Amino acid sequence: MWEKVCDAFEAANEGVTVELTIDKNLEDVIDPAMKAGDYPDVIMRAVGAESGMTETFIRDNNLTELTDVLDMTVPGEEVTVGEKILPGFTENTIVNPYGDGKTYLMPMFYGPCGLFYNAGLFEEKGWEVPETWDEMWELGDKAQAEGIALFTYPTTGYFDAFFYALLHEAMGEENFTKALKYEEGIWDTPEAQQVFDIIAKLASYTEKTTPANANDNDFQKNQQMILDNKALFMPNGNWVIGEMAEAPRAEGFEWGFTALPALEEGGESILFVL
């Protein structure tokens, strides 16, 4: 894809040659040149990488503002870049890291990150997907009686996404943003405590081997628990379906997907988008 992008850019800009570097260890490849002051014009690297490259650029104020890109018309179309992006993806603390209303990072892709489960198992048992956390604990007790854990998670990043959604449920948009910025006192509020209490209780319903496998090498063992009916729910993105396409599974297995349960009946039920 990136080779086609470069070819198109060169074709549209006479005399321009694009030097493209593609490597799964991109930081290691471009870091020596950057230390010598030779920076690439464009880097595609997500936040949250182990190297922390993107976060270093943010911290050192080494990003070029990209707000005007949103008003550019997409080549071959009659809409702007901003019109092609769903609401919320350019109005958050990730792409606007300085809180000045300006865009410095661009979203690359998105996938819903909610709770995946075996819909076939629920149908077999006659269980309903919980709509509130109280119903979640009730289901956890039923499952536990049959030797099934309520919860697992592949690895830490997916649990982070789960935590963000739960935090938004408890705090709402304004205080959620304050929490992400560590505004003084925001983490001492009753809403924050409610989130911590749910996480603590959820730990007691989590499959015991999950933390040991929650790493880059063994995370699929945790994902396999859903396919083997060893756990009911796991936070994940919709790519897990393809990722586990060849994995063995319980008879009658069928992927199910839901947002997090609401804190109370009629409350907000949220999923995080990665």
Foldseek 3Di string as FASTA:
>chain_A
DVVVVQVVVCVVPDPDHDDDDDDPPVCVVCVVVVVVVDDDPDDDDAAPDPVRPVVVCVVVVVFDFDQVQQVPCDPPDDHGNVVVDDPPQQPACRQVVVPPSTGRDHDDDKFWWAKKAFVQVCVVVVHDDAQAVVVLVVVLVVLVVVQAFAEAELADVLVVQLLLFLLCLLPPDPLSRVVVVCPPPSCVDPSVVVSVVSVVVSVVRYDPCRVVQRDPPRSVVRVVCRQARNYGIYTDTPCVCVVCVPPHGDPRGDMDGDFAHHNDVPGDTDIGMD
